[in-house]
């Protein structure tokens, strides 16, 4: 069985983004449901996978990263990005899906990691 993980790197500071609230949603047809809410640790990662084993189903998901509070706590003005939502699809529940976020106050990037 596979798993779903994430981490956040703040490219403006060159460091992991600590204490960022993360929400995972599953999208089915026109509805969307919250599956998990967590936050990043000192390494910018979650202490456990967002999904694993039987909870990992094929389909459409969204991860919402609430970065506004993170930057406010650092005293950094972030008028452009308050949150980042990444929509992605799991097509094989036996594979691992890693969805990292590279963030700065004015831009972000993501990719499928391993």
Protein backbone atom coordinates (compact mmCIF):
# COMPACT_ATOMS: atom_id res chain seq x y z
CA UNK A 1 0.00 0.00 0.00
CA UNK A 2 1.12 3.52 -0.77
CA UNK A 3 0.99 6.72 1.20
CA UNK A 4 0.55 10.46 0.72
CA UNK A 5 3.07 12.86 2.27
CA UNK A 6 4.05 16.51 1.94
CA UNK A 7 6.58 19.04 3.15
CA UNK A 8 7.09 22.79 2.82
CA UNK A 9 10.33 24.64 2.12
CA UNK A 10 10.42 28.42 2.41
CA UNK A 11 12.68 29.44 -0.46
CA UNK A 12 12.75 33.08 0.69
CA UNK A 13 14.42 32.06 3.96
CA UNK A 14 16.15 28.87 2.77
CA UNK A 15 14.53 26.83 5.55
CA UNK A 16 11.69 24.41 6.26
CA UNK A 17 8.35 26.10 6.97
CA UNK A 18 7.41 25.19 10.54
CA UNK A 19 3.90 25.29 12.08
CA UNK A 20 1.99 25.71 8.82
CA UNK A 21 -1.59 24.47 9.02
CA UNK A 22 -2.43 21.93 6.31
CA UNK A 23 -5.86 20.65 5.31
CA UNK A 24 -6.43 17.65 3.05
CA UNK A 25 -9.66 17.35 1.08
CA UNK A 26 -11.08 14.67 -1.19
CA UNK A 27 -13.13 15.86 -4.15
CA UNK A 28 -15.86 13.61 -5.52
CA UNK A 29 -18.21 14.87 -8.23
CA UNK A 30 -19.24 18.36 -7.07
CA UNK A 31 -18.61 17.79 -3.35
CA UNK A 32 -15.44 18.20 -1.36
CA UNK A 33 -14.84 16.78 2.10
CA UNK A 34 -12.19 17.50 4.71
CA UNK A 35 -10.20 14.35 5.43
CA UNK A 36 -7.44 15.61 7.70
CA UNK A 37 -6.08 18.73 9.34
CA UNK A 38 -2.51 18.89 10.64
CA UNK A 39 0.52 21.16 10.77
CA UNK A 40 4.17 20.97 9.85
CA UNK A 41 6.91 20.19 12.35
CA UNK A 42 10.35 21.83 12.68
CA UNK A 43 11.49 20.06 9.49
CA UNK A 44 8.53 21.39 7.46
CA UNK A 45 7.00 17.91 7.35
CA UNK A 46 3.99 16.28 8.98
CA UNK A 47 4.64 13.81 11.77
CA UNK A 48 2.67 11.13 9.91
CA UNK A 49 1.45 10.60 6.34
CA UNK A 50 -1.62 12.54 5.27
CA UNK A 51 -3.05 9.23 4.01
CA UNK A 52 -1.79 5.68 4.16
CA UNK A 53 -2.87 2.09 3.64
CA UNK A 54 -6.64 1.61 3.35
CA UNK A 55 -7.38 5.37 3.56
CA UNK A 56 -5.44 6.01 0.33
CA UNK A 57 -7.98 5.77 -2.50
CA UNK A 58 -7.71 6.66 -6.14
CA UNK A 59 -9.28 9.98 -7.04
CA UNK A 60 -9.02 13.75 -6.80
CA UNK A 61 -7.51 15.47 -3.74
CA UNK A 62 -6.62 18.99 -2.65
CA UNK A 63 -4.06 20.06 -0.09
CA UNK A 64 -4.59 23.54 1.34
CA UNK A 65 -1.53 25.18 2.90
CA UNK A 66 -2.50 28.13 5.15
CA UNK A 67 0.67 30.20 4.88
CA UNK A 68 -0.58 33.63 5.92
CA UNK A 69 -0.18 32.96 9.67
CA UNK A 70 3.28 31.45 9.07
CA UNK A 71 4.57 34.64 7.42
CA UNK A 72 2.81 36.93 9.92
CA UNK A 73 4.59 35.13 12.78
CA UNK A 74 7.88 35.81 11.02
CA UNK A 75 7.02 39.49 10.57
CA UNK A 76 6.92 39.14 6.80
CA UNK A 77 4.20 40.93 4.84
CA UNK A 78 2.49 38.47 2.49
CA UNK A 79 -0.21 40.44 0.64
CA UNK A 80 -0.24 38.22 -2.46
CA UNK A 81 -0.48 34.63 -1.14
CA UNK A 82 -2.58 33.87 1.94
CA UNK A 83 -3.04 30.20 1.17
CA UNK A 84 -2.03 27.74 -1.53
CA UNK A 85 -4.29 24.97 -2.81
CA UNK A 86 -2.81 22.12 -4.84
CA UNK A 87 -5.21 19.81 -6.65
CA UNK A 88 -3.82 16.45 -7.75
CA UNK A 89 -4.94 12.94 -8.61
CA UNK A 90 -4.02 9.57 -7.18
CA UNK A 91 -4.20 6.95 -9.88
CA UNK A 92 -2.55 3.99 -8.16
CA UNK A 93 -3.12 3.40 -4.47
CA UNK A 94 -0.07 1.11 -4.28
CA UNK A 95 2.34 3.95 -5.06
CA UNK A 96 3.72 6.67 -2.79
CA UNK A 97 2.65 10.24 -3.54
CA UNK A 98 4.75 13.08 -2.16
CA UNK A 99 3.46 16.62 -2.82
CA UNK A 100 6.05 19.18 -1.68
CA UNK A 101 5.50 22.92 -1.63
CA UNK A 102 8.28 25.42 -2.30
CA UNK A 103 6.96 28.76 -1.06
CA UNK A 104 7.86 32.44 -0.90
CA UNK A 105 5.60 35.45 -0.23
CA UNK A 106 5.05 36.02 -3.96
CA UNK A 107 5.18 32.58 -5.55
CA UNK A 108 5.19 28.84 -5.13
CA UNK A 109 6.10 25.65 -6.93
CA UNK A 110 5.21 21.99 -6.53
CA UNK A 111 5.93 18.65 -8.16
CA UNK A 112 5.33 14.97 -7.58
CA UNK A 113 8.11 13.67 -5.43
CA UNK A 114 8.83 10.13 -4.35
